[in-house]
Amino acid sequence: SSAMVTAVNASSDGAMNTEDLFTDRD
């Protein structure tokens, strides 16, 4: 829980489907 984790600012309705592009480990 102390590890820094990046949050992803993604468009929900963009040209690309960005769902699940990045995993937790990524």
mmCIF file of all heavy atoms, coordinates in Angstrom:
data_MODEL
# 
_entry.id   MODEL 
# 
loop_
_atom_site.group_PDB 
_atom_site.id 
_atom_site.type_symbol 
_atom_site.label_atom_id 
_atom_site.label_alt_id 
_atom_site.label_comp_id 
_atom_site.label_asym_id 
_atom_site.label_entity_id 
_atom_site.label_seq_id 
_atom_site.pdbx_PDB_ins_code 
_atom_site.Cartn_x 
_atom_site.Cartn_y 
_atom_site.Cartn_z 
_atom_site.occupancy 
_atom_site.B_iso_or_equiv 
_atom_site.pdbx_formal_charge 
_atom_site.auth_seq_id 
_atom_site.auth_comp_id 
_atom_site.auth_asym_id 
_atom_site.auth_atom_id 
_atom_site.pdbx_PDB_model_num 
ATOM 1   N N   . SER A 1 1  ? 0.802   -1.208 0.000   1.00 0.00 ? 1  SER A N   1 
ATOM 2   C CA  . SER A 1 1  ? 0.000   0.000  0.000   1.00 0.00 ? 1  SER A CA  1 
ATOM 3   C C   . SER A 1 1  ? 0.840   1.264  0.000   1.00 0.00 ? 1  SER A C   1 
ATOM 4   O O   . SER A 1 1  ? 0.344   2.344  -0.290  1.00 0.00 ? 1  SER A O   1 
ATOM 5   C CB  . SER A 1 1  ? -0.939  -0.001 1.214   1.00 0.00 ? 1  SER A CB  1 
ATOM 6   O OG  . SER A 1 1  ? -0.179  -0.050 2.412   1.00 0.00 ? 1  SER A OG  1 
ATOM 7   N N   . SER A 1 2  ? 2.127   1.156  0.316   1.00 0.00 ? 2  SER A N   1 
ATOM 8   C CA  . SER A 1 2  ? 2.989   2.335  0.349   1.00 0.00 ? 2  SER A CA  1 
ATOM 9   C C   . SER A 1 2  ? 3.575   2.654  -1.017  1.00 0.00 ? 2  SER A C   1 
ATOM 10  O O   . SER A 1 2  ? 4.156   3.710  -1.212  1.00 0.00 ? 2  SER A O   1 
ATOM 11  C CB  . SER A 1 2  ? 4.133   2.121  1.351   1.00 0.00 ? 2  SER A CB  1 
ATOM 12  O OG  . SER A 1 2  ? 4.993   1.085  0.904   1.00 0.00 ? 2  SER A OG  1 
ATOM 13  N N   . ALA A 1 3  ? 3.418   1.748  -1.969  1.00 0.00 ? 3  ALA A N   1 
ATOM 14  C CA  . ALA A 1 3  ? 3.991   1.960  -3.294  1.00 0.00 ? 3  ALA A CA  1 
ATOM 15  C C   . ALA A 1 3  ? 3.231   3.052  -4.026  1.00 0.00 ? 3  ALA A C   1 
ATOM 16  O O   . ALA A 1 3  ? 2.009   3.142  -3.953  1.00 0.00 ? 3  ALA A O   1 
ATOM 17  C CB  . ALA A 1 3  ? 3.959   0.666  -4.104  1.00 0.00 ? 3  ALA A CB  1 
ATOM 18  N N   . MET A 1 4  ? 3.970   3.893  -4.764  1.00 0.00 ? 4  MET A N   1 
ATOM 19  C CA  . MET A 1 4  ? 3.333   4.933  -5.553  1.00 0.00 ? 4  MET A CA  1 
ATOM 20  C C   . MET A 1 4  ? 2.679   4.304  -6.770  1.00 0.00 ? 4  MET A C   1 
ATOM 21  O O   . MET A 1 4  ? 3.277   3.512  -7.478  1.00 0.00 ? 4  MET A O   1 
ATOM 22  C CB  . MET A 1 4  ? 4.356   5.973  -5.995  1.00 0.00 ? 4  MET A CB  1 
ATOM 23  C CG  . MET A 1 4  ? 3.756   7.041  -6.893  1.00 0.00 ? 4  MET A CG  1 
ATOM 24  S SD  . MET A 1 4  ? 4.957   8.260  -7.416  1.00 0.00 ? 4  MET A SD  1 
ATOM 25  C CE  . MET A 1 4  ? 3.957   9.209  -8.562  1.00 0.00 ? 4  MET A CE  1 
ATOM 26  N N   . VAL A 1 5  ? 1.434   4.689  -7.009  1.00 0.00 ? 5  VAL A N   1 
ATOM 27  C CA  . VAL A 1 5  ? 0.684   4.143  -8.127  1.00 0.00 ? 5  VAL A CA  1 
ATOM 28  C C   . VAL A 1 5  ? 0.163   5.290  -8.980  1.00 0.00 ? 5  VAL A C   1 
ATOM 29  O O   . VAL A 1 5  ? -0.394  6.259  -8.474  1.00 0.00 ? 5  VAL A O   1 
ATOM 30  C CB  . VAL A 1 5  ? -0.487  3.262  -7.638  1.00 0.00 ? 5  VAL A CB  1 
ATOM 31  C CG1 . VAL A 1 5  ? -1.273  2.711  -8.815  1.00 0.00 ? 5  VAL A CG1 1 
ATOM 32  C CG2 . VAL A 1 5  ? 0.033   2.135  -6.756  1.00 0.00 ? 5  VAL A CG2 1 
ATOM 33  N N   . THR A 1 6  ? 0.342   5.205  -10.277 1.00 0.00 ? 6  THR A N   1 
ATOM 34  C CA  . THR A 1 6  ? -0.127  6.230  -11.196 1.00 0.00 ? 6  THR A CA  1 
ATOM 35  C C   . THR A 1 6  ? -1.593  5.999  -11.539 1.00 0.00 ? 6  THR A C   1 
ATOM 36  O O   . THR A 1 6  ? -1.987  4.893  -11.877 1.00 0.00 ? 6  THR A O   1 
ATOM 37  C CB  . THR A 1 6  ? 0.702   6.214  -12.489 1.00 0.00 ? 6  THR A CB  1 
ATOM 38  O OG1 . THR A 1 6  ? 2.051   6.566  -12.187 1.00 0.00 ? 6  THR A OG1 1 
ATOM 39  C CG2 . THR A 1 6  ? 0.150   7.192  -13.517 1.00 0.00 ? 6  THR A CG2 1 
ATOM 40  N N   . ALA A 1 7  ? -2.394  7.058  -11.449 1.00 0.00 ? 7  ALA A N   1 
ATOM 41  C CA  . ALA A 1 7  ? -3.783  7.002  -11.908 1.00 0.00 ? 7  ALA A CA  1 
ATOM 42  C C   . ALA A 1 7  ? -3.835  7.467  -13.359 1.00 0.00 ? 7  ALA A C   1 
ATOM 43  O O   . ALA A 1 7  ? -3.039  8.304  -13.788 1.00 0.00 ? 7  ALA A O   1 
ATOM 44  C CB  . ALA A 1 7  ? -4.662  7.884  -11.026 1.00 0.00 ? 7  ALA A CB  1 
ATOM 45  N N   . VAL A 1 8  ? -4.766  6.919  -14.123 1.00 0.00 ? 8  VAL A N   1 
ATOM 46  C CA  . VAL A 1 8  ? -4.819  7.203  -15.556 1.00 0.00 ? 8  VAL A CA  1 
ATOM 47  C C   . VAL A 1 8  ? -5.987  8.119  -15.880 1.00 0.00 ? 8  VAL A C   1 
ATOM 48  O O   . VAL A 1 8  ? -7.144  7.787  -15.642 1.00 0.00 ? 8  VAL A O   1 
ATOM 49  C CB  . VAL A 1 8  ? -4.933  5.899  -16.371 1.00 0.00 ? 8  VAL A CB  1 
ATOM 50  C CG1 . VAL A 1 8  ? -4.914  6.211  -17.860 1.00 0.00 ? 8  VAL A CG1 1 
ATOM 51  C CG2 . VAL A 1 8  ? -3.801  4.956  -16.010 1.00 0.00 ? 8  VAL A CG2 1 
ATOM 52  N N   . ASN A 1 9  ? -5.673  9.279  -16.432 1.00 0.00 ? 9  ASN A N   1 
ATOM 53  C CA  . ASN A 1 9  ? -6.686  10.239 -16.845 1.00 0.00 ? 9  ASN A CA  1 
ATOM 54  C C   . ASN A 1 9  ? -7.092  9.907  -18.273 1.00 0.00 ? 9  ASN A C   1 
ATOM 55  O O   . ASN A 1 9  ? -6.439  10.298 -19.228 1.00 0.00 ? 9  ASN A O   1 
ATOM 56  C CB  . ASN A 1 9  ? -6.118  11.652 -16.764 1.00 0.00 ? 9  ASN A CB  1 
ATOM 57  C CG  . ASN A 1 9  ? -7.120  12.708 -17.192 1.00 0.00 ? 9  ASN A CG  1 
ATOM 58  O OD1 . ASN A 1 9  ? -8.301  12.581 -16.931 1.00 0.00 ? 9  ASN A OD1 1 
ATOM 59  N ND2 . ASN A 1 9  ? -6.635  13.739 -17.841 1.00 0.00 ? 9  ASN A ND2 1 
ATOM 60  N N   . ALA A 1 10 ? -8.186  9.148  -18.429 1.00 0.00 ? 10 ALA A N   1 
ATOM 61  C CA  . ALA A 1 10 ? -8.567  8.665  -19.750 1.00 0.00 ? 10 ALA A CA  1 
ATOM 62  C C   . ALA A 1 10 ? -9.946  9.148  -20.143 1.00 0.00 ? 10 ALA A C   1 
ATOM 63  O O   . ALA A 1 10 ? -10.848 9.255  -19.319 1.00 0.00 ? 10 ALA A O   1 
ATOM 64  C CB  . ALA A 1 10 ? -8.540  7.137  -19.773 1.00 0.00 ? 10 ALA A CB  1 
ATOM 65  N N   . SER A 1 11 ? -10.116 9.433  -21.425 1.00 0.00 ? 11 SER A N   1 
ATOM 66  C CA  . SER A 1 11 ? -11.425 9.783  -21.951 1.00 0.00 ? 11 SER A CA  1 
ATOM 67  C C   . SER A 1 11 ? -12.300 8.539  -21.984 1.00 0.00 ? 11 SER A C   1 
ATOM 68  O O   . SER A 1 11 ? -11.866 7.472  -22.407 1.00 0.00 ? 11 SER A O   1 
ATOM 69  C CB  . SER A 1 11 ? -11.280 10.353 -23.364 1.00 0.00 ? 11 SER A CB  1 
ATOM 70  O OG  . SER A 1 11 ? -12.528 10.524 -23.965 1.00 0.00 ? 11 SER A OG  1 
ATOM 71  N N   . SER A 1 12 ? -13.543 8.676  -21.533 1.00 0.00 ? 12 SER A N   1 
ATOM 72  C CA  . SER A 1 12 ? -14.445 7.524  -21.508 1.00 0.00 ? 12 SER A CA  1 
ATOM 73  C C   . SER A 1 12 ? -15.121 7.290  -22.846 1.00 0.00 ? 12 SER A C   1 
ATOM 74  O O   . SER A 1 12 ? -15.756 6.259  -23.042 1.00 0.00 ? 12 SER A O   1 
ATOM 75  C CB  . SER A 1 12 ? -15.514 7.727  -20.429 1.00 0.00 ? 12 SER A CB  1 
ATOM 76  O OG  . SER A 1 12 ? -16.294 8.878  -20.710 1.00 0.00 ? 12 SER A OG  1 
ATOM 77  N N   . ASP A 1 13 ? -15.010 8.220  -23.774 1.00 0.00 ? 13 ASP A N   1 
ATOM 78  C CA  . ASP A 1 13 ? -15.693 8.077  -25.056 1.00 0.00 ? 13 ASP A CA  1 
ATOM 79  C C   . ASP A 1 13 ? -14.814 8.540  -26.218 1.00 0.00 ? 13 ASP A C   1 
ATOM 80  O O   . ASP A 1 13 ? -15.279 9.145  -27.171 1.00 0.00 ? 13 ASP A O   1 
ATOM 81  C CB  . ASP A 1 13 ? -17.006 8.858  -25.053 1.00 0.00 ? 13 ASP A CB  1 
ATOM 82  C CG  . ASP A 1 13 ? -16.801 10.359 -24.843 1.00 0.00 ? 13 ASP A CG  1 
ATOM 83  O OD1 . ASP A 1 13 ? -15.654 10.756 -24.522 1.00 0.00 ? 13 ASP A OD1 1 
ATOM 84  O OD2 . ASP A 1 13 ? -17.755 11.119 -24.998 1.00 0.00 ? 13 ASP A OD2 1 
ATOM 85  N N   . GLY A 1 14 ? -13.532 8.243  -26.122 1.00 0.00 ? 14 GLY A N   1 
ATOM 86  C CA  . GLY A 1 14 ? -12.604 8.666  -27.154 1.00 0.00 ? 14 GLY A CA  1 
ATOM 87  C C   . GLY A 1 14 ? -12.602 7.763  -28.372 1.00 0.00 ? 14 GLY A C   1 
ATOM 88  O O   . GLY A 1 14 ? -13.329 6.768  -28.446 1.00 0.00 ? 14 GLY A O   1 
ATOM 89  N N   . ALA A 1 15 ? -11.787 8.094  -29.335 1.00 0.00 ? 15 ALA A N   1 
ATOM 90  C CA  . ALA A 1 15 ? -11.682 7.304  -30.557 1.00 0.00 ? 15 ALA A CA  1 
ATOM 91  C C   . ALA A 1 15 ? -11.191 5.900  -30.266 1.00 0.00 ? 15 ALA A C   1 
ATOM 92  O O   . ALA A 1 15 ? -11.602 4.941  -30.921 1.00 0.00 ? 15 ALA A O   1 
ATOM 93  C CB  . ALA A 1 15 ? -10.740 7.998  -31.544 1.00 0.00 ? 15 ALA A CB  1 
ATOM 94  N N   . MET A 1 16 ? -10.306 5.770  -29.305 1.00 0.00 ? 16 MET A N   1 
ATOM 95  C CA  . MET A 1 16 ? -9.791  4.473  -28.912 1.00 0.00 ? 16 MET A CA  1 
ATOM 96  C C   . MET A 1 16 ? -10.502 3.984  -27.663 1.00 0.00 ? 16 MET A C   1 
ATOM 97  O O   . MET A 1 16 ? -10.889 4.781  -26.810 1.00 0.00 ? 16 MET A O   1 
ATOM 98  C CB  . MET A 1 16 ? -8.282  4.552  -28.631 1.00 0.00 ? 16 MET A CB  1 
ATOM 99  C CG  . MET A 1 16 ? -7.418  4.753  -29.847 1.00 0.00 ? 16 MET A CG  1 
ATOM 100 S SD  . MET A 1 16 ? -5.706  5.186  -29.409 1.00 0.00 ? 16 MET A SD  1 
ATOM 101 C CE  . MET A 1 16 ? -5.259  3.820  -28.366 1.00 0.00 ? 16 MET A CE  1 
ATOM 102 N N   . ASN A 1 17 ? -10.652 2.697  -27.558 1.00 0.00 ? 17 ASN A N   1 
ATOM 103 C CA  . ASN A 1 17 ? -11.166 2.103  -26.336 1.00 0.00 ? 17 ASN A CA  1 
ATOM 104 C C   . ASN A 1 17 ? -10.002 1.970  -25.367 1.00 0.00 ? 17 ASN A C   1 
ATOM 105 O O   . ASN A 1 17 ? -9.108  1.150  -25.569 1.00 0.00 ? 17 ASN A O   1 
ATOM 106 C CB  . ASN A 1 17 ? -11.783 0.737  -26.629 1.00 0.00 ? 17 ASN A CB  1 
ATOM 107 C CG  . ASN A 1 17 ? -12.398 0.105  -25.390 1.00 0.00 ? 17 ASN A CG  1 
ATOM 108 O OD1 . ASN A 1 17 ? -12.299 0.636  -24.289 1.00 0.00 ? 17 ASN A OD1 1 
ATOM 109 N ND2 . ASN A 1 17 ? -13.025 -1.040 -25.571 1.00 0.00 ? 17 ASN A ND2 1 
ATOM 110 N N   . THR A 1 18 ? -9.995  2.765  -24.320 1.00 0.00 ? 18 THR A N   1 
ATOM 111 C CA  . THR A 1 18 ? -8.853  2.807  -23.405 1.00 0.00 ? 18 THR A CA  1 
ATOM 112 C C   . THR A 1 18 ? -9.034  1.916  -22.184 1.00 0.00 ? 18 THR A C   1 
ATOM 113 O O   . THR A 1 18 ? -8.192  1.921  -21.290 1.00 0.00 ? 18 THR A O   1 
ATOM 114 C CB  . THR A 1 18 ? -8.611  4.253  -22.941 1.00 0.00 ? 18 THR A CB  1 
ATOM 115 O OG1 . THR A 1 18 ? -9.790  4.753  -22.303 1.00 0.00 ? 18 THR A OG1 1 
ATOM 116 C CG2 . THR A 1 18 ? -8.287  5.143  -24.135 1.00 0.00 ? 18 THR A CG2 1 
ATOM 117 N N   . GLU A 1 19 ? -10.100 1.157  -22.151 1.00 0.00 ? 19 GLU A N   1 
ATOM 118 C CA  . GLU A 1 19 ? -10.340 0.275  -21.012 1.00 0.00 ? 19 GLU A CA  1 
ATOM 119 C C   . GLU A 1 19 ? -9.264  -0.793 -20.931 1.00 0.00 ? 19 GLU A C   1 
ATOM 120 O O   . GLU A 1 19 ? -8.940  -1.444 -21.919 1.00 0.00 ? 19 GLU A O   1 
ATOM 121 C CB  . GLU A 1 19 ? -11.717 -0.382 -21.136 1.00 0.00 ? 19 GLU A CB  1 
ATOM 122 C CG  . GLU A 1 19 ? -12.099 -1.246 -19.954 1.00 0.00 ? 19 GLU A CG  1 
ATOM 123 C CD  . GLU A 1 19 ? -13.475 -1.870 -20.100 1.00 0.00 ? 19 GLU A CD  1 
ATOM 124 O OE1 . GLU A 1 19 ? -14.084 -1.680 -21.180 1.00 0.00 ? 19 GLU A OE1 1 
ATOM 125 O OE2 . GLU A 1 19 ? -13.919 -2.527 -19.160 1.00 0.00 ? 19 GLU A OE2 1 
ATOM 126 N N   . ASP A 1 20 ? -8.706  -0.967 -19.751 1.00 0.00 ? 20 ASP A N   1 
ATOM 127 C CA  . ASP A 1 20 ? -7.736  -2.026 -19.474 1.00 0.00 ? 20 ASP A CA  1 
ATOM 128 C C   . ASP A 1 20 ? -6.437  -1.912 -20.272 1.00 0.00 ? 20 ASP A C   1 
ATOM 129 O O   . ASP A 1 20 ? -5.760  -2.905 -20.507 1.00 0.00 ? 20 ASP A O   1 
ATOM 130 C CB  . ASP A 1 20 ? -8.357  -3.411 -19.737 1.00 0.00 ? 20 ASP A CB  1 
ATOM 131 C CG  . ASP A 1 20 ? -9.496  -3.717 -18.800 1.00 0.00 ? 20 ASP A CG  1 
ATOM 132 O OD1 . ASP A 1 20 ? -9.476  -3.214 -17.656 1.00 0.00 ? 20 ASP A OD1 1 
ATOM 133 O OD2 . ASP A 1 20 ? -10.412 -4.450 -19.197 1.00 0.00 ? 20 ASP A OD2 1 
ATOM 134 N N   . LEU A 1 21 ? -6.067  -0.710 -20.671 1.00 0.00 ? 21 LEU A N   1 
ATOM 135 C CA  . LEU A 1 21 ? -4.783  -0.557 -21.367 1.00 0.00 ? 21 LEU A CA  1 
ATOM 136 C C   . LEU A 1 21 ? -3.616  -0.796 -20.417 1.00 0.00 ? 21 LEU A C   1 
ATOM 137 O O   . LEU A 1 21 ? -2.573  -1.312 -20.819 1.00 0.00 ? 21 LEU A O   1 
ATOM 138 C CB  . LEU A 1 21 ? -4.658  0.845  -21.971 1.00 0.00 ? 21 LEU A CB  1 
ATOM 139 C CG  . LEU A 1 21 ? -5.559  1.185  -23.151 1.00 0.00 ? 21 LEU A CG  1 
ATOM 140 C CD1 . LEU A 1 21 ? -5.175  2.539  -23.712 1.00 0.00 ? 21 LEU A CD1 1 
ATOM 141 C CD2 . LEU A 1 21 ? -5.495  0.117  -24.227 1.00 0.00 ? 21 LEU A CD2 1 
ATOM 142 N N   . PHE A 1 22 ? -3.781  -0.374 -19.167 1.00 0.00 ? 22 PHE A N   1 
ATOM 143 C CA  . PHE A 1 22 ? -2.712  -0.475 -18.181 1.00 0.00 ? 22 PHE A CA  1 
ATOM 144 C C   . PHE A 1 22 ? -3.161  -1.382 -17.037 1.00 0.00 ? 22 PHE A C   1 
ATOM 145 O O   . PHE A 1 22 ? -4.250  -1.226 -16.500 1.00 0.00 ? 22 PHE A O   1 
ATOM 146 C CB  . PHE A 1 22 ? -2.343  0.900  -17.633 1.00 0.00 ? 22 PHE A CB  1 
ATOM 147 C CG  . PHE A 1 22 ? -1.932  1.890  -18.679 1.00 0.00 ? 22 PHE A CG  1 
ATOM 148 C CD1 . PHE A 1 22 ? -2.848  2.807  -19.186 1.00 0.00 ? 22 PHE A CD1 1 
ATOM 149 C CD2 . PHE A 1 22 ? -0.630  1.913  -19.159 1.00 0.00 ? 22 PHE A CD2 1 
ATOM 150 C CE1 . PHE A 1 22 ? -2.482  3.723  -20.150 1.00 0.00 ? 22 PHE A CE1 1 
ATOM 151 C CE2 . PHE A 1 22 ? -0.248  2.828  -20.127 1.00 0.00 ? 22 PHE A CE2 1 
ATOM 152 C CZ  . PHE A 1 22 ? -1.176  3.733  -20.630 1.00 0.00 ? 22 PHE A CZ  1 
ATOM 153 N N   . THR A 1 23 ? -2.301  -2.298 -16.645 1.00 0.00 ? 23 THR A N   1 
ATOM 154 C CA  . THR A 1 23 ? -2.598  -3.155 -15.504 1.00 0.00 ? 23 THR A CA  1 
ATOM 155 C C   . THR A 1 23 ? -2.118  -2.497 -14.219 1.00 0.00 ? 23 THR A C   1 
ATOM 156 O O   . THR A 1 23 ? -1.376  -1.509 -14.228 1.00 0.00 ? 23 THR A O   1 
ATOM 157 C CB  . THR A 1 23 ? -1.915  -4.520 -15.651 1.00 0.00 ? 23 THR A CB  1 
ATOM 158 O OG1 . THR A 1 23 ? -0.498  -4.348 -15.510 1.00 0.00 ? 23 THR A OG1 1 
ATOM 159 C CG2 . THR A 1 23 ? -2.218  -5.152 -17.003 1.00 0.00 ? 23 THR A CG2 1 
ATOM 160 N N   . ASP A 1 24 ? -2.518  -3.058 -13.091 1.00 0.00 ? 24 ASP A N   1 
ATOM 161 C CA  . ASP A 1 24 ? -2.065  -2.545 -11.801 1.00 0.00 ? 24 ASP A CA  1 
ATOM 162 C C   . ASP A 1 24 ? -0.544  -2.547 -11.707 1.00 0.00 ? 24 ASP A C   1 
ATOM 163 O O   . ASP A 1 24 ? 0.072   -1.609 -11.207 1.00 0.00 ? 24 ASP A O   1 
ATOM 164 C CB  . ASP A 1 24 ? -2.655  -3.388 -10.671 1.00 0.00 ? 24 ASP A CB  1 
ATOM 165 C CG  . ASP A 1 24 ? -4.168  -3.277 -10.573 1.00 0.00 ? 24 ASP A CG  1 
ATOM 166 O OD1 . ASP A 1 24 ? -4.728  -2.387 -11.237 1.00 0.00 ? 24 ASP A OD1 1 
ATOM 167 O OD2 . ASP A 1 24 ? -4.775  -4.070 -9.848  1.00 0.00 ? 24 ASP A OD2 1 
ATOM 168 N N   . ARG A 1 25 ? 0.060   -3.630 -12.187 1.00 0.00 ? 25 ARG A N   1 
ATOM 169 C CA  . ARG A 1 25 ? 1.524   -3.720 -12.093 1.00 0.00 ? 25 ARG A CA  1 
ATOM 170 C C   . ARG A 1 25 ? 2.191   -2.704 -13.009 1.00 0.00 ? 25 ARG A C   1 
ATOM 171 O O   . ARG A 1 25 ? 3.245   -2.149 -12.658 1.00 0.00 ? 25 ARG A O   1 
ATOM 172 C CB  . ARG A 1 25 ? 1.990   -5.136 -12.433 1.00 0.00 ? 25 ARG A CB  1 
ATOM 173 C CG  . ARG A 1 25 ? 3.479   -5.350 -12.181 1.00 0.00 ? 25 ARG A CG  1 
ATOM 174 C CD  . ARG A 1 25 ? 3.887   -6.796 -12.335 1.00 0.00 ? 25 ARG A CD  1 
ATOM 175 N NE  . ARG A 1 25 ? 5.321   -6.985 -12.127 1.00 0.00 ? 25 ARG A NE  1 
ATOM 176 C CZ  . ARG A 1 25 ? 5.947   -8.146 -12.244 1.00 0.00 ? 25 ARG A CZ  1 
ATOM 177 N NH1 . ARG A 1 25 ? 5.259   -9.243 -12.569 1.00 0.00 ? 25 ARG A NH1 1 
ATOM 178 N NH2 . ARG A 1 25 ? 7.253   -8.228 -12.041 1.00 0.00 ? 25 ARG A NH2 1 
ATOM 179 N N   . ASP A 1 26 ? 1.609   -2.444 -14.174 1.00 0.00 ? 26 ASP A N   1 
ATOM 180 C CA  . ASP A 1 26 ? 2.147   -1.408 -15.057 1.00 0.00 ? 26 ASP A CA  1 
ATOM 181 C C   . ASP A 1 26 ? 2.236   -0.072 -14.332 1.00 0.00 ? 26 ASP A C   1 
ATOM 182 O O   . ASP A 1 26 ? 3.204   0.680  -14.496 1.00 0.00 ? 26 ASP A O   1 
ATOM 183 C CB  . ASP A 1 26 ? 1.250   -1.218 -16.284 1.00 0.00 ? 26 ASP A CB  1 
ATOM 184 C CG  . ASP A 1 26 ? 1.196   -2.412 -17.206 1.00 0.00 ? 26 ASP A CG  1 
ATOM 185 O OD1 . ASP A 1 26 ? 2.108   -3.257 -17.152 1.00 0.00 ? 26 ASP A OD1 1 
ATOM 186 O OD2 . ASP A 1 26 ? 0.224   -2.510 -17.989 1.00 0.00 ? 26 ASP A OD2 1 
# 
